Amino acid sequence: MGHRLSRIVTRTGDGGTTGLGDGSRVPKDSPRIDAIGTIDELNSHVGVVLAETLPPDVRSLLTDIQHDLFDLGGELSIPGHTAIATSHIERLESAVEHYNADLPMLKEFILPGGTRAAALAHVARTVCRRAERGLVALAVNDSVSTSSRIYLNRLSDLLFVIARALNRAGGAPDVLWQKDRNRGQ
């Protein structure tokens, strides 16, 4: 790879616009830039999970996801470009099945928590849901690939299952929601 970012300070965005990969400029508060930013934020949260001690297979999976998310940001920066394919979605679905297979069936809702790694995976999950909502909002007036929306939906499911698996690996139970726990206090 050459020197793609030889200048970090360009001043081209000082007027409130930013450049897309196709050379066009859009307002920094546009739905497309908001979606790209949320994908970037999600990728950063996955990076925070990766800063924890993790089972090697989870680490490898999350690293692959970070690359996918960077590709998805690239897809969004070039209107009409597609980077996320059915194979990406199928990989996530297989991972959900794999990690969920050994987990006890849920009979109650769970709260985000348990081990630090699991709690961080839950934070990534909630940001993933926001990123998905951003893509849905963008798709109202702009082109967004169906695969990218499905990918984020599956990723949020996977992050939920990974959080549970990380609790189990860390010897912590799921934190169960207790209906009416504080009623009447």
C-alpha atoms as a PDB file:
ATOM      1  CA  MET A   1       0.000   0.000   0.000  1.00  0.00           C
ATOM      2  CA  GLY A   2       1.262   3.452  -0.841  1.00  0.00           C
ATOM      3  CA  HIS A   3       1.030   6.605   1.203  1.00  0.00           C
ATOM      4  CA  ARG A   4      -2.721   7.151   1.088  1.00  0.00           C
ATOM      5  CA  LEU A   5      -2.912   9.539   4.023  1.00  0.00           C
ATOM      6  CA  SER A   6       0.131  11.709   3.564  1.00  0.00           C
ATOM      7  CA  ARG A   7      -1.771  14.705   4.975  1.00  0.00           C
ATOM      8  CA  ILE A   8      -4.101  14.328   7.929  1.00  0.00           C
ATOM      9  CA  VAL A   9      -5.055  18.015   8.212  1.00  0.00           C
ATOM     10  CA  THR A  10      -6.562  18.982   4.867  1.00  0.00           C
ATOM     11  CA  ARG A  11      -8.927  21.795   5.898  1.00  0.00           C
ATOM     12  CA  THR A  12     -11.363  20.632   3.197  1.00  0.00           C
ATOM     13  CA  GLY A  13     -14.034  19.894   5.801  1.00  0.00           C
ATOM     14  CA  ASP A  14     -13.829  23.213   7.605  1.00  0.00           C
ATOM     15  CA  GLY A  15     -16.941  24.459   5.822  1.00  0.00           C
ATOM     16  CA  GLY A  16     -19.133  21.637   7.149  1.00  0.00           C
ATOM     17  CA  THR A  17     -18.877  19.215   4.250  1.00  0.00           C
ATOM     18  CA  THR A  18     -16.876  16.040   3.749  1.00  0.00           C
ATOM     19  CA  GLY A  19     -15.770  14.113   0.720  1.00  0.00           C
ATOM     20  CA  LEU A  20     -17.101  10.715  -0.270  1.00  0.00           C
ATOM     21  CA  GLY A  21     -15.083   8.044  -2.025  1.00  0.00           C
ATOM     22  CA  ASP A  22     -16.621   8.967  -5.373  1.00  0.00           C
ATOM     23  CA  GLY A  23     -15.315  12.540  -5.077  1.00  0.00           C
ATOM     24  CA  SER A  24     -18.654  14.161  -4.217  1.00  0.00           C
ATOM     25  CA  ARG A  25     -19.068  16.315  -1.129  1.00  0.00           C
ATOM     26  CA  VAL A  26     -21.931  16.074   1.345  1.00  0.00           C
ATOM     27  CA  PRO A  27     -22.847  17.883   4.560  1.00  0.00           C
ATOM     28  CA  LYS A  28     -21.216  16.355   7.629  1.00  0.00           C
ATOM     29  CA  ASP A  29     -24.642  15.953   9.225  1.00  0.00           C
ATOM     30  CA  SER A  30     -26.109  14.006   6.285  1.00  0.00           C
ATOM     31  CA  PRO A  31     -27.686  10.592   6.976  1.00  0.00           C
ATOM     32  CA  ARG A  32     -24.889   8.928   4.975  1.00  0.00           C
ATOM     33  CA  ILE A  33     -22.134  10.490   7.072  1.00  0.00           C
ATOM     34  CA  ASP A  34     -24.081   9.733  10.245  1.00  0.00           C
ATOM     35  CA  ALA A  35     -24.309   6.064   9.190  1.00  0.00           C
ATOM     36  CA  ILE A  36     -20.597   5.943   8.329  1.00  0.00           C
ATOM     37  CA  GLY A  37     -19.767   7.517  11.685  1.00  0.00           C
ATOM     38  CA  THR A  38     -21.881   5.030  13.608  1.00  0.00           C
ATOM     39  CA  ILE A  39     -20.230   2.125  11.763  1.00  0.00           C
ATOM     40  CA  ASP A  40     -16.854   3.619  12.737  1.00  0.00           C
ATOM     41  CA  GLU A  41     -18.026   3.964  16.351  1.00  0.00           C
ATOM     42  CA  LEU A  42     -19.178   0.333  16.326  1.00  0.00           C
ATOM     43  CA  ASN A  43     -15.798  -0.738  14.981  1.00  0.00           C
ATOM     44  CA  SER A  44     -14.128   1.170  17.815  1.00  0.00           C
ATOM     45  CA  HIS A  45     -16.320  -0.571  20.395  1.00  0.00           C
ATOM     46  CA  VAL A  46     -15.392  -3.949  18.898  1.00  0.00           C
ATOM     47  CA  GLY A  47     -11.772  -2.807  19.275  1.00  0.00           C
ATOM     48  CA  VAL A  48     -12.386  -2.140  22.967  1.00  0.00           C
ATOM     49  CA  VAL A  49     -13.771  -5.666  23.371  1.00  0.00           C
ATOM     50  CA  LEU A  50     -10.623  -6.919  21.642  1.00  0.00           C
ATOM     51  CA  ALA A  51      -8.513  -5.121  24.267  1.00  0.00           C
ATOM     52  CA  GLU A  52      -9.867  -7.622  26.819  1.00  0.00           C
ATOM     53  CA  THR A  53      -8.583 -11.134  27.467  1.00  0.00           C
ATOM     54  CA  LEU A  54     -10.653 -13.290  25.106  1.00  0.00           C
ATOM     55  CA  PRO A  55     -10.743 -16.871  23.916  1.00  0.00           C
ATOM     56  CA  PRO A  56      -8.634 -17.082  20.723  1.00  0.00           C
ATOM     57  CA  ASP A  57     -11.605 -18.050  18.526  1.00  0.00           C
ATOM     58  CA  VAL A  58     -13.618 -15.039  19.719  1.00  0.00           C
ATOM     59  CA  ARG A  59     -10.610 -12.785  19.138  1.00  0.00           C
ATOM     60  CA  SER A  60     -10.243 -14.069  15.574  1.00  0.00           C
ATOM     61  CA  LEU A  61     -13.963 -13.659  14.867  1.00  0.00           C
ATOM     62  CA  LEU A  62     -14.068 -10.100  16.219  1.00  0.00           C
ATOM     63  CA  THR A  63     -10.964  -9.184  14.224  1.00  0.00           C
ATOM     64  CA  ASP A  64     -12.676 -10.432  11.056  1.00  0.00           C
ATOM     65  CA  ILE A  65     -15.731  -8.365  12.008  1.00  0.00           C
ATOM     66  CA  GLN A  66     -13.592  -5.253  12.375  1.00  0.00           C
ATOM     67  CA  HIS A  67     -12.380  -5.727   8.801  1.00  0.00           C
ATOM     68  CA  ASP A  68     -15.967  -6.264   7.630  1.00  0.00           C
ATOM     69  CA  LEU A  69     -17.061  -3.063   9.358  1.00  0.00           C
ATOM     70  CA  PHE A  70     -14.249  -1.108   7.730  1.00  0.00           C
ATOM     71  CA  ASP A  71     -15.375  -2.530   4.374  1.00  0.00           C
ATOM     72  CA  LEU A  72     -18.958  -1.534   5.178  1.00  0.00           C
ATOM     73  CA  GLY A  73     -17.834   2.020   5.909  1.00  0.00           C
ATOM     74  CA  GLY A  74     -16.092   1.999   2.549  1.00  0.00           C
ATOM     75  CA  GLU A  75     -19.251   0.710   0.890  1.00  0.00           C
ATOM     76  CA  LEU A  76     -21.210   3.601   2.341  1.00  0.00           C
ATOM     77  CA  SER A  77     -18.585   6.135   1.282  1.00  0.00           C
ATOM     78  CA  ILE A  78     -19.066   5.193  -2.381  1.00  0.00           C
ATOM     79  CA  PRO A  79     -22.777   5.383  -3.223  1.00  0.00           C
ATOM     80  CA  GLY A  80     -23.804   2.359  -5.268  1.00  0.00           C
ATOM     81  CA  HIS A  81     -20.753   0.280  -4.241  1.00  0.00           C
ATOM     82  CA  THR A  82     -21.312  -3.077  -2.517  1.00  0.00           C
ATOM     83  CA  ALA A  83     -18.697  -4.659  -0.235  1.00  0.00           C
ATOM     84  CA  ILE A  84     -20.816  -6.825   2.073  1.00  0.00           C
ATOM     85  CA  ALA A  85     -21.931 -10.063   0.447  1.00  0.00           C
ATOM     86  CA  THR A  86     -24.162 -12.973   1.383  1.00  0.00           C
ATOM     87  CA  SER A  87     -21.043 -14.891   2.458  1.00  0.00           C
ATOM     88  CA  HIS A  88     -20.403 -12.290   5.195  1.00  0.00           C
ATOM     89  CA  ILE A  89     -23.932 -12.821   6.526  1.00  0.00           C
ATOM     90  CA  GLU A  90     -23.620 -16.598   6.369  1.00  0.00           C
ATOM     91  CA  ARG A  91     -20.372 -16.427   8.384  1.00  0.00           C
ATOM     92  CA  LEU A  92     -22.171 -14.483  11.110  1.00  0.00           C
ATOM     93  CA  GLU A  93     -25.108 -16.881  11.115  1.00  0.00           C
ATOM     94  CA  SER A  94     -22.742 -19.843  11.492  1.00  0.00           C
ATOM     95  CA  ALA A  95     -20.991 -18.112  14.372  1.00  0.00           C
ATOM     96  CA  VAL A  96     -24.327 -17.415  16.113  1.00  0.00           C
ATOM     97  CA  GLU A  97     -25.238 -21.093  15.836  1.00  0.00           C
ATOM     98  CA  HIS A  98     -21.792 -22.185  17.038  1.00  0.00           C
ATOM     99  CA  TYR A  99     -21.630 -19.966  20.128  1.00  0.00           C
ATOM    100  CA  ASN A 100     -25.294 -20.332  21.019  1.00  0.00           C
ATOM    101  CA  ALA A 101     -25.186 -24.159  20.882  1.00  0.00           C
ATOM    102  CA  ASP A 102     -23.540 -24.515  24.309  1.00  0.00           C
ATOM    103  CA  LEU A 103     -25.455 -21.749  26.072  1.00  0.00           C
ATOM    104  CA  PRO A 104     -28.410 -22.484  28.326  1.00  0.00           C
ATOM    105  CA  MET A 105     -31.795 -21.560  26.894  1.00  0.00           C
ATOM    106  CA  LEU A 106     -33.003 -18.171  28.048  1.00  0.00           C
ATOM    107  CA  LYS A 107     -36.199 -18.135  30.080  1.00  0.00           C
ATOM    108  CA  GLU A 108     -35.875 -14.494  31.132  1.00  0.00           C
ATOM    109  CA  PHE A 109     -34.523 -11.321  29.583  1.00  0.00           C
ATOM    110  CA  ILE A 110     -30.939 -10.578  30.514  1.00  0.00           C
ATOM    111  CA  LEU A 111     -29.354  -7.299  31.483  1.00  0.00           C
ATOM    112  CA  PRO A 112     -26.074  -6.120  29.970  1.00  0.00           C
ATOM    113  CA  GLY A 113     -23.379  -7.147  32.408  1.00  0.00           C
ATOM    114  CA  GLY A 114     -21.466  -9.964  33.981  1.00  0.00           C
ATOM    115  CA  THR A 115     -17.807  -9.901  33.050  1.00  0.00           C
ATOM    116  CA  ARG A 116     -16.196  -6.745  31.743  1.00  0.00           C
ATOM    117  CA  ALA A 117     -15.709  -8.331  28.298  1.00  0.00           C
ATOM    118  CA  ALA A 118     -19.378  -9.354  28.146  1.00  0.00           C
ATOM    119  CA  ALA A 119     -20.552  -5.904  29.232  1.00  0.00           C
ATOM    120  CA  LEU A 120     -18.405  -4.334  26.507  1.00  0.00           C
ATOM    121  CA  ALA A 121     -19.835  -6.743  23.930  1.00  0.00           C
ATOM    122  CA  HIS A 122     -23.312  -5.590  24.994  1.00  0.00           C
ATOM    123  CA  VAL A 123     -22.267  -1.968  24.437  1.00  0.00           C
ATOM    124  CA  ALA A 124     -21.055  -2.927  20.951  1.00  0.00           C
ATOM    125  CA  ARG A 125     -24.409  -4.675  20.386  1.00  0.00           C
ATOM    126  CA  THR A 126     -26.377  -1.529  21.220  1.00  0.00           C
ATOM    127  CA  VAL A 127     -24.212   0.599  18.938  1.00  0.00           C
ATOM    128  CA  CYS A 128     -24.721  -2.033  16.225  1.00  0.00           C
ATOM    129  CA  ARG A 129     -28.491  -1.647  16.591  1.00  0.00           C
ATOM    130  CA  ARG A 130     -28.109   2.125  16.222  1.00  0.00           C
ATOM    131  CA  ALA A 131     -25.959   1.611  13.118  1.00  0.00           C
ATOM    132  CA  GLU A 132     -28.678  -0.619  11.691  1.00  0.00           C
ATOM    133  CA  ARG A 133     -31.301   2.062  12.353  1.00  0.00           C
ATOM    134  CA  GLY A 134     -29.019   4.560  10.614  1.00  0.00           C
ATOM    135  CA  LEU A 135     -28.824   2.391   7.507  1.00  0.00           C
ATOM    136  CA  VAL A 136     -32.590   1.959   7.475  1.00  0.00           C
ATOM    137  CA  ALA A 137     -33.005   5.748   7.731  1.00  0.00           C
ATOM    138  CA  LEU A 138     -30.448   6.299   4.967  1.00  0.00           C
ATOM    139  CA  ALA A 139     -32.256   3.804   2.726  1.00  0.00           C
ATOM    140  CA  VAL A 140     -35.426   5.907   2.811  1.00  0.00           C
ATOM    141  CA  ASN A 141     -33.920   8.390   0.331  1.00  0.00           C
ATOM    142  CA  ASP A 142     -30.658   6.802  -0.778  1.00  0.00           C
ATOM    143  CA  SER A 143     -29.221   3.558  -2.051  1.00  0.00           C
ATOM    144  CA  VAL A 144     -28.148   1.070   0.631  1.00  0.00           C
ATOM    145  CA  SER A 145     -27.442  -2.585  -0.058  1.00  0.00           C
ATOM    146  CA  THR A 146     -29.809  -5.067   1.517  1.00  0.00           C
ATOM    147  CA  SER A 147     -26.804  -7.188   2.502  1.00  0.00           C
ATOM    148  CA  SER A 148     -25.327  -4.413   4.637  1.00  0.00           C
ATOM    149  CA  ARG A 149     -28.567  -3.993   6.583  1.00  0.00           C
ATOM    150  CA  ILE A 150     -28.914  -7.752   7.084  1.00  0.00           C
ATOM    151  CA  TYR A 151     -25.249  -7.941   8.122  1.00  0.00           C
ATOM    152  CA  LEU A 152     -25.789  -5.440  10.939  1.00  0.00           C
ATOM    153  CA  ASN A 153     -28.936  -7.249  12.073  1.00  0.00           C
ATOM    154  CA  ARG A 154     -27.030 -10.545  12.281  1.00  0.00           C
ATOM    155  CA  LEU A 155     -24.046  -8.863  13.909  1.00  0.00           C
ATOM    156  CA  SER A 156     -26.172  -7.511  16.753  1.00  0.00           C
ATOM    157  CA  ASP A 157     -27.499 -11.043  17.321  1.00  0.00           C
ATOM    158  CA  LEU A 158     -23.959 -12.382  17.324  1.00  0.00           C
ATOM    159  CA  LEU A 159     -22.726  -9.748  19.767  1.00  0.00           C
ATOM    160  CA  PHE A 160     -25.554 -10.721  22.135  1.00  0.00           C
ATOM    161  CA  VAL A 161     -24.559 -14.386  21.934  1.00  0.00           C
ATOM    162  CA  ILE A 162     -20.847 -13.520  22.239  1.00  0.00           C
ATOM    163  CA  ALA A 163     -21.601 -11.513  25.399  1.00  0.00           C
ATOM    164  CA  ARG A 164     -23.304 -14.559  26.894  1.00  0.00           C
ATOM    165  CA  ALA A 165     -20.445 -16.822  25.806  1.00  0.00           C
ATOM    166  CA  LEU A 166     -17.900 -14.437  27.330  1.00  0.00           C
ATOM    167  CA  ASN A 167     -19.796 -14.509  30.616  1.00  0.00           C
ATOM    168  CA  ARG A 168     -19.726 -18.278  30.554  1.00  0.00           C
ATOM    169  CA  ALA A 169     -16.011 -18.346  29.678  1.00  0.00           C
ATOM    170  CA  GLY A 170     -15.358 -15.903  32.522  1.00  0.00           C
ATOM    171  CA  GLY A 171     -17.328 -17.950  35.036  1.00  0.00           C
ATOM    172  CA  ALA A 172     -20.072 -15.342  35.422  1.00  0.00           C
ATOM    173  CA  PRO A 173     -23.775 -16.047  35.016  1.00  0.00           C
ATOM    174  CA  ASP A 174     -26.026 -13.997  32.779  1.00  0.00           C
ATOM    175  CA  VAL A 175     -27.540 -11.092  34.693  1.00  0.00           C
ATOM    176  CA  LEU A 176     -31.246 -11.878  34.684  1.00  0.00           C
ATOM    177  CA  TRP A 177     -33.871  -9.153  34.597  1.00  0.00           C
ATOM    178  CA  GLN A 178     -36.252  -9.405  37.524  1.00  0.00           C
ATOM    179  CA  LYS A 179     -39.718  -8.151  36.726  1.00  0.00           C
ATOM    180  CA  ASP A 180     -41.064  -5.691  39.295  1.00  0.00           C
ATOM    181  CA  ARG A 181     -37.852  -5.889  41.313  1.00  0.00           C
ATOM    182  CA  ASN A 182     -38.139  -2.286  42.488  1.00  0.00           C
ATOM    183  CA  ARG A 183     -41.905  -1.906  42.465  1.00  0.00           C
ATOM    184  CA  GLY A 184     -43.242  -0.407  45.671  1.00  0.00           C
ATOM    185  CA  GLN A 185     -39.882   0.715  47.022  1.00  0.00           C
END
